[in-house]
Amino acid sequence: RLAVVDVQAARASGARSIRAGLAEAVKYGVIADAQLLGFLEEQAASLLEADGRRLAELVAWCLRIKARFVEEDEQGTGRRLLLNYGHTFGYAIEASTGFRRYTHGEAVAIGMTLAARVSAAMGLAPASLEARQTALLRRFGLPCDFSGVAAARLLEALWRDKKRQGERLRFVLPVEIGQGEVRGDVPIEL
């Protein structure tokens, strides 16, 4: 298998697009690779400046992580579901705002923030995880909160999520930096 990424095209796509891609890289760091998260923190300035060498290094790192997940779970029914970190809330946010207010990466950034809060509230992750993740997302100029959407509308969009199992919503929740879990026991009130 081969993946080809044109880093020059990514650089030319603009700062908002670069930031949206960085949200996905943060996702990989939080749920799969603590070293990657450290790299993102250390190289934040050069990544935001679209340094071609650093972006190429980051893209290769993320592709290796994704390839590992896909090889372990080609059908996407087990461990590969972790790649949906931030996406359950993110898709609901995108749908609730008519797919116009946020880029996909921005919605995922908000979704990761919400998932980290849920994880801390359930006692699965320390509050410091959300704080560290949020600091990096904000450093990348990504939103971590949103408003203007009624809770009922967001909940309706959550129930349409493809990862739902019957009457249970499933969320990817971080438990520590570099490790996440797929959970179907998140109280709906939370």
C-alpha atoms as a PDB file:
ATOM      1  CA  ARG A   1       0.000   0.000   0.000  1.00  0.00           C
ATOM      2  CA  LEU A   2       1.091   3.482  -0.768  1.00  0.00           C
ATOM      3  CA  ALA A   3       0.062   6.880   0.564  1.00  0.00           C
ATOM      4  CA  VAL A   4       1.175   9.997  -1.260  1.00  0.00           C
ATOM      5  CA  VAL A   5       0.912  13.378   0.420  1.00  0.00           C
ATOM      6  CA  ASP A   6       1.876  16.599  -1.305  1.00  0.00           C
ATOM      7  CA  VAL A   7       3.133  18.753   1.556  1.00  0.00           C
ATOM      8  CA  GLN A   8       3.546  21.716  -0.797  1.00  0.00           C
ATOM      9  CA  ALA A   9      -0.159  21.534  -1.689  1.00  0.00           C
ATOM     10  CA  ALA A  10      -1.023  21.376   1.996  1.00  0.00           C
ATOM     11  CA  ARG A  11       1.120  24.448   2.634  1.00  0.00           C
ATOM     12  CA  ALA A  12      -0.585  26.287  -0.227  1.00  0.00           C
ATOM     13  CA  SER A  13      -4.063  25.476   1.099  1.00  0.00           C
ATOM     14  CA  GLY A  14      -3.765  28.151   3.774  1.00  0.00           C
ATOM     15  CA  ALA A  15      -3.400  28.560   7.513  1.00  0.00           C
ATOM     16  CA  ARG A  16      -6.932  27.467   8.406  1.00  0.00           C
ATOM     17  CA  SER A  17      -6.455  24.210   6.515  1.00  0.00           C
ATOM     18  CA  ILE A  18      -3.070  23.600   8.177  1.00  0.00           C
ATOM     19  CA  ARG A  19      -4.633  24.190  11.607  1.00  0.00           C
ATOM     20  CA  ALA A  20      -7.467  21.783  10.802  1.00  0.00           C
ATOM     21  CA  GLY A  21      -4.919  19.117   9.886  1.00  0.00           C
ATOM     22  CA  LEU A  22      -3.039  19.767  13.119  1.00  0.00           C
ATOM     23  CA  ALA A  23      -6.225  18.907  15.032  1.00  0.00           C
ATOM     24  CA  GLU A  24      -6.092  15.429  13.511  1.00  0.00           C
ATOM     25  CA  ALA A  25      -2.405  15.138  14.487  1.00  0.00           C
ATOM     26  CA  VAL A  26      -3.265  16.077  18.092  1.00  0.00           C
ATOM     27  CA  LYS A  27      -5.862  13.292  17.975  1.00  0.00           C
ATOM     28  CA  TYR A  28      -3.175  10.745  17.099  1.00  0.00           C
ATOM     29  CA  GLY A  29      -0.941  11.988  19.906  1.00  0.00           C
ATOM     30  CA  VAL A  30      -3.640  11.871  22.569  1.00  0.00           C
ATOM     31  CA  ILE A  31      -5.045   8.430  21.743  1.00  0.00           C
ATOM     32  CA  ALA A  32      -1.986   6.627  20.392  1.00  0.00           C
ATOM     33  CA  ASP A  33       1.439   8.233  20.831  1.00  0.00           C
ATOM     34  CA  ALA A  34       2.618  10.409  23.716  1.00  0.00           C
ATOM     35  CA  GLN A  35       5.895  11.112  21.864  1.00  0.00           C
ATOM     36  CA  LEU A  36       3.950  12.570  18.950  1.00  0.00           C
ATOM     37  CA  LEU A  37       2.103  14.881  21.317  1.00  0.00           C
ATOM     38  CA  GLY A  38       5.455  16.061  22.695  1.00  0.00           C
ATOM     39  CA  PHE A  39       6.702  16.669  19.135  1.00  0.00           C
ATOM     40  CA  LEU A  40       3.599  18.764  18.412  1.00  0.00           C
ATOM     41  CA  GLU A  41       4.179  20.829  21.540  1.00  0.00           C
ATOM     42  CA  GLU A  42       7.879  21.329  20.770  1.00  0.00           C
ATOM     43  CA  GLN A  43       7.388  22.095  17.072  1.00  0.00           C
ATOM     44  CA  ALA A  44       4.143  24.092  17.272  1.00  0.00           C
ATOM     45  CA  ALA A  45       5.665  27.312  15.940  1.00  0.00           C
ATOM     46  CA  SER A  46       7.361  25.694  12.929  1.00  0.00           C
ATOM     47  CA  LEU A  47       4.243  23.658  12.134  1.00  0.00           C
ATOM     48  CA  LEU A  48       2.083  26.793  12.201  1.00  0.00           C
ATOM     49  CA  GLU A  49       4.588  28.483   9.907  1.00  0.00           C
ATOM     50  CA  ALA A  50       4.057  25.516   7.537  1.00  0.00           C
ATOM     51  CA  ASP A  51       7.724  24.470   7.691  1.00  0.00           C
ATOM     52  CA  GLY A  52       7.844  21.871   4.903  1.00  0.00           C
ATOM     53  CA  ARG A  53      10.363  19.607   6.637  1.00  0.00           C
ATOM     54  CA  ARG A  54       8.424  19.534   9.908  1.00  0.00           C
ATOM     55  CA  LEU A  55       5.098  19.037   8.134  1.00  0.00           C
ATOM     56  CA  ALA A  56       6.531  16.123   6.142  1.00  0.00           C
ATOM     57  CA  GLU A  57       7.852  14.572   9.359  1.00  0.00           C
ATOM     58  CA  LEU A  58       4.459  15.006  11.016  1.00  0.00           C
ATOM     59  CA  VAL A  59       2.496  13.582   8.082  1.00  0.00           C
ATOM     60  CA  ALA A  60       4.765  10.513   7.914  1.00  0.00           C
ATOM     61  CA  TRP A  61       4.404   9.966  11.664  1.00  0.00           C
ATOM     62  CA  CYS A  62       0.599  10.192  11.517  1.00  0.00           C
ATOM     63  CA  LEU A  63       0.429   7.888   8.492  1.00  0.00           C
ATOM     64  CA  ARG A  64       2.494   5.253  10.324  1.00  0.00           C
ATOM     65  CA  ILE A  65       0.073   5.387  13.256  1.00  0.00           C
ATOM     66  CA  LYS A  66      -2.974   5.145  11.014  1.00  0.00           C
ATOM     67  CA  ALA A  67      -1.445   2.280   9.021  1.00  0.00           C
ATOM     68  CA  ARG A  68      -0.779   0.373  12.237  1.00  0.00           C
ATOM     69  CA  PHE A  69      -4.403   0.774  13.345  1.00  0.00           C
ATOM     70  CA  VAL A  70      -5.759  -0.243   9.933  1.00  0.00           C
ATOM     71  CA  GLU A  71      -3.466  -3.289   9.704  1.00  0.00           C
ATOM     72  CA  GLU A  72      -4.584  -4.442  13.156  1.00  0.00           C
ATOM     73  CA  ASP A  73      -8.272  -3.902  12.396  1.00  0.00           C
ATOM     74  CA  GLU A  74      -9.056  -3.758   8.676  1.00  0.00           C
ATOM     75  CA  GLN A  75     -12.831  -3.939   9.243  1.00  0.00           C
ATOM     76  CA  GLY A  76     -12.863  -0.995  11.649  1.00  0.00           C
ATOM     77  CA  THR A  77     -14.803  -2.786  14.368  1.00  0.00           C
ATOM     78  CA  GLY A  78     -12.198  -2.886  17.148  1.00  0.00           C
ATOM     79  CA  ARG A  79      -9.070  -0.882  17.922  1.00  0.00           C
ATOM     80  CA  ARG A  80      -9.382   1.158  14.722  1.00  0.00           C
ATOM     81  CA  LEU A  81     -12.438   2.854  16.243  1.00  0.00           C
ATOM     82  CA  LEU A  82      -9.988   4.840  18.386  1.00  0.00           C
ATOM     83  CA  LEU A  83      -9.229   6.902  15.278  1.00  0.00           C
ATOM     84  CA  ASN A  84     -12.676   8.436  15.792  1.00  0.00           C
ATOM     85  CA  TYR A  85     -11.481  10.362  18.857  1.00  0.00           C
ATOM     86  CA  GLY A  86     -13.292  13.698  18.831  1.00  0.00           C
ATOM     87  CA  HIS A  87     -15.350  12.684  15.814  1.00  0.00           C
ATOM     88  CA  THR A  88     -18.584  11.615  17.545  1.00  0.00           C
ATOM     89  CA  PHE A  89     -19.042  15.076  19.019  1.00  0.00           C
ATOM     90  CA  GLY A  90     -17.341  16.661  15.996  1.00  0.00           C
ATOM     91  CA  TYR A  91     -19.795  15.218  13.475  1.00  0.00           C
ATOM     92  CA  ALA A  92     -22.710  16.249  15.683  1.00  0.00           C
ATOM     93  CA  ILE A  93     -21.323  19.794  15.877  1.00  0.00           C
ATOM     94  CA  GLU A  94     -20.853  19.923  12.108  1.00  0.00           C
ATOM     95  CA  ALA A  95     -24.402  18.642  11.472  1.00  0.00           C
ATOM     96  CA  SER A  96     -25.941  20.929  14.102  1.00  0.00           C
ATOM     97  CA  THR A  97     -24.350  23.973  12.500  1.00  0.00           C
ATOM     98  CA  GLY A  98     -25.259  23.039   8.938  1.00  0.00           C
ATOM     99  CA  PHE A  99     -21.670  22.104   8.015  1.00  0.00           C
ATOM    100  CA  ARG A 100     -20.916  25.814   7.578  1.00  0.00           C
ATOM    101  CA  ARG A 101     -19.514  27.210  10.808  1.00  0.00           C
ATOM    102  CA  TYR A 102     -16.497  24.949  11.371  1.00  0.00           C
ATOM    103  CA  THR A 103     -14.047  23.026   9.233  1.00  0.00           C
ATOM    104  CA  HIS A 104     -13.923  19.308   9.978  1.00  0.00           C
ATOM    105  CA  GLY A 105     -10.693  19.752  11.939  1.00  0.00           C
ATOM    106  CA  GLU A 106     -12.159  22.598  14.001  1.00  0.00           C
ATOM    107  CA  ALA A 107     -15.208  20.486  14.869  1.00  0.00           C
ATOM    108  CA  VAL A 108     -12.936  17.574  15.808  1.00  0.00           C
ATOM    109  CA  ALA A 109     -10.905  19.897  18.073  1.00  0.00           C
ATOM    110  CA  ILE A 110     -14.079  20.864  19.918  1.00  0.00           C
ATOM    111  CA  GLY A 111     -15.121  17.209  19.961  1.00  0.00           C
ATOM    112  CA  MET A 112     -11.807  16.139  21.503  1.00  0.00           C
ATOM    113  CA  THR A 113     -12.224  18.799  24.179  1.00  0.00           C
ATOM    114  CA  LEU A 114     -15.711  17.530  24.999  1.00  0.00           C
ATOM    115  CA  ALA A 115     -14.564  13.892  24.999  1.00  0.00           C
ATOM    116  CA  ALA A 116     -11.686  14.712  27.366  1.00  0.00           C
ATOM    117  CA  ARG A 117     -14.148  16.486  29.703  1.00  0.00           C
ATOM    118  CA  VAL A 118     -16.460  13.481  29.648  1.00  0.00           C
ATOM    119  CA  SER A 119     -13.536  11.160  30.355  1.00  0.00           C
ATOM    120  CA  ALA A 120     -12.446  13.263  33.345  1.00  0.00           C
ATOM    121  CA  ALA A 121     -16.033  13.476  34.633  1.00  0.00           C
ATOM    122  CA  MET A 122     -16.281   9.682  34.476  1.00  0.00           C
ATOM    123  CA  GLY A 123     -13.008   9.346  36.389  1.00  0.00           C
ATOM    124  CA  LEU A 124     -11.206   7.721  33.445  1.00  0.00           C
ATOM    125  CA  ALA A 125      -8.661  10.466  32.746  1.00  0.00           C
ATOM    126  CA  PRO A 126      -7.047  13.134  34.874  1.00  0.00           C
ATOM    127  CA  ALA A 127      -8.183  16.734  34.359  1.00  0.00           C
ATOM    128  CA  SER A 128      -4.588  17.526  33.407  1.00  0.00           C
ATOM    129  CA  LEU A 129      -5.106  15.597  30.155  1.00  0.00           C
ATOM    130  CA  GLU A 130      -7.828  17.984  29.015  1.00  0.00           C
ATOM    131  CA  ALA A 131      -5.743  20.976  30.119  1.00  0.00           C
ATOM    132  CA  ARG A 132      -2.689  19.817  28.152  1.00  0.00           C
ATOM    133  CA  GLN A 133      -4.732  18.966  25.063  1.00  0.00           C
ATOM    134  CA  THR A 134      -6.665  22.244  25.204  1.00  0.00           C
ATOM    135  CA  ALA A 135      -3.479  24.289  25.596  1.00  0.00           C
ATOM    136  CA  LEU A 136      -2.048  22.707  22.440  1.00  0.00           C
ATOM    137  CA  LEU A 137      -5.270  23.045  20.436  1.00  0.00           C
ATOM    138  CA  ARG A 138      -5.502  26.724  21.388  1.00  0.00           C
ATOM    139  CA  ARG A 139      -1.842  27.226  20.532  1.00  0.00           C
ATOM    140  CA  PHE A 140      -2.714  25.940  17.075  1.00  0.00           C
ATOM    141  CA  GLY A 141      -5.553  28.479  16.888  1.00  0.00           C
ATOM    142  CA  LEU A 142      -8.278  25.850  17.089  1.00  0.00           C
ATOM    143  CA  PRO A 143     -11.606  26.269  18.889  1.00  0.00           C
ATOM    144  CA  CYS A 144     -12.228  24.231  22.022  1.00  0.00           C
ATOM    145  CA  ASP A 145     -15.742  25.478  22.822  1.00  0.00           C
ATOM    146  CA  PHE A 146     -18.821  26.393  20.859  1.00  0.00           C
ATOM    147  CA  SER A 147     -22.202  27.978  21.440  1.00  0.00           C
ATOM    148  CA  GLY A 148     -25.390  28.763  19.621  1.00  0.00           C
ATOM    149  CA  VAL A 149     -26.600  25.170  19.292  1.00  0.00           C
ATOM    150  CA  ALA A 150     -29.468  23.899  21.399  1.00  0.00           C
ATOM    151  CA  ALA A 151     -28.587  20.809  23.443  1.00  0.00           C
ATOM    152  CA  ALA A 152     -31.583  18.958  21.940  1.00  0.00           C
ATOM    153  CA  ARG A 153     -30.310  19.601  18.415  1.00  0.00           C
ATOM    154  CA  LEU A 154     -26.820  18.377  19.298  1.00  0.00           C
ATOM    155  CA  LEU A 155     -28.233  15.282  21.004  1.00  0.00           C
ATOM    156  CA  GLU A 156     -30.369  14.534  17.947  1.00  0.00           C
ATOM    157  CA  ALA A 157     -27.259  14.666  15.771  1.00  0.00           C
ATOM    158  CA  LEU A 158     -25.367  12.423  18.212  1.00  0.00           C
ATOM    159  CA  TRP A 159     -28.074   9.754  17.888  1.00  0.00           C
ATOM    160  CA  ARG A 160     -27.496   9.663  14.118  1.00  0.00           C
ATOM    161  CA  ASP A 161     -23.831   8.719  14.624  1.00  0.00           C
ATOM    162  CA  LYS A 162     -22.814   5.650  12.617  1.00  0.00           C
ATOM    163  CA  LYS A 163     -20.873   4.208  15.557  1.00  0.00           C
ATOM    164  CA  ARG A 164     -23.993   3.972  17.713  1.00  0.00           C
ATOM    165  CA  GLN A 165     -24.864   0.470  18.879  1.00  0.00           C
ATOM    166  CA  GLY A 166     -28.604   0.151  19.319  1.00  0.00           C
ATOM    167  CA  GLU A 167     -29.616   2.548  22.062  1.00  0.00           C
ATOM    168  CA  ARG A 168     -26.041   3.227  23.144  1.00  0.00           C
ATOM    169  CA  LEU A 169     -23.835   6.007  21.901  1.00  0.00           C
ATOM    170  CA  ARG A 170     -20.180   5.074  21.668  1.00  0.00           C
ATOM    171  CA  PHE A 171     -17.430   7.571  22.358  1.00  0.00           C
ATOM    172  CA  VAL A 172     -13.673   7.372  22.136  1.00  0.00           C
ATOM    173  CA  LEU A 173     -12.385   8.658  25.458  1.00  0.00           C
ATOM    174  CA  PRO A 174      -8.763   9.277  26.403  1.00  0.00           C
ATOM    175  CA  VAL A 175      -7.575   7.600  29.586  1.00  0.00           C
ATOM    176  CA  GLU A 176      -4.031   8.942  29.528  1.00  0.00           C
ATOM    177  CA  ILE A 177      -1.837  10.624  26.953  1.00  0.00           C
ATOM    178  CA  GLY A 178      -1.200   8.008  24.275  1.00  0.00           C
ATOM    179  CA  GLN A 179      -4.095   5.730  25.220  1.00  0.00           C
ATOM    180  CA  GLY A 180      -7.835   5.799  24.590  1.00  0.00           C
ATOM    181  CA  GLU A 181     -10.844   3.523  24.965  1.00  0.00           C
ATOM    182  CA  VAL A 182     -14.096   3.071  23.086  1.00  0.00           C
ATOM    183  CA  ARG A 183     -16.902   3.372  25.621  1.00  0.00           C
ATOM    184  CA  GLY A 184     -20.604   2.703  25.319  1.00  0.00           C
ATOM    185  CA  ASP A 185     -21.403   3.512  28.931  1.00  0.00           C
ATOM    186  CA  VAL A 186     -21.347   7.311  28.892  1.00  0.00           C
ATOM    187  CA  PRO A 187     -24.417   8.542  30.819  1.00  0.00           C
ATOM    188  CA  ILE A 188     -26.593  10.559  28.439  1.00  0.00           C
ATOM    189  CA  GLU A 189     -27.046  13.218  31.160  1.00  0.00           C
ATOM    190  CA  LEU A 190     -23.304  13.786  31.106  1.00  0.00           C
END
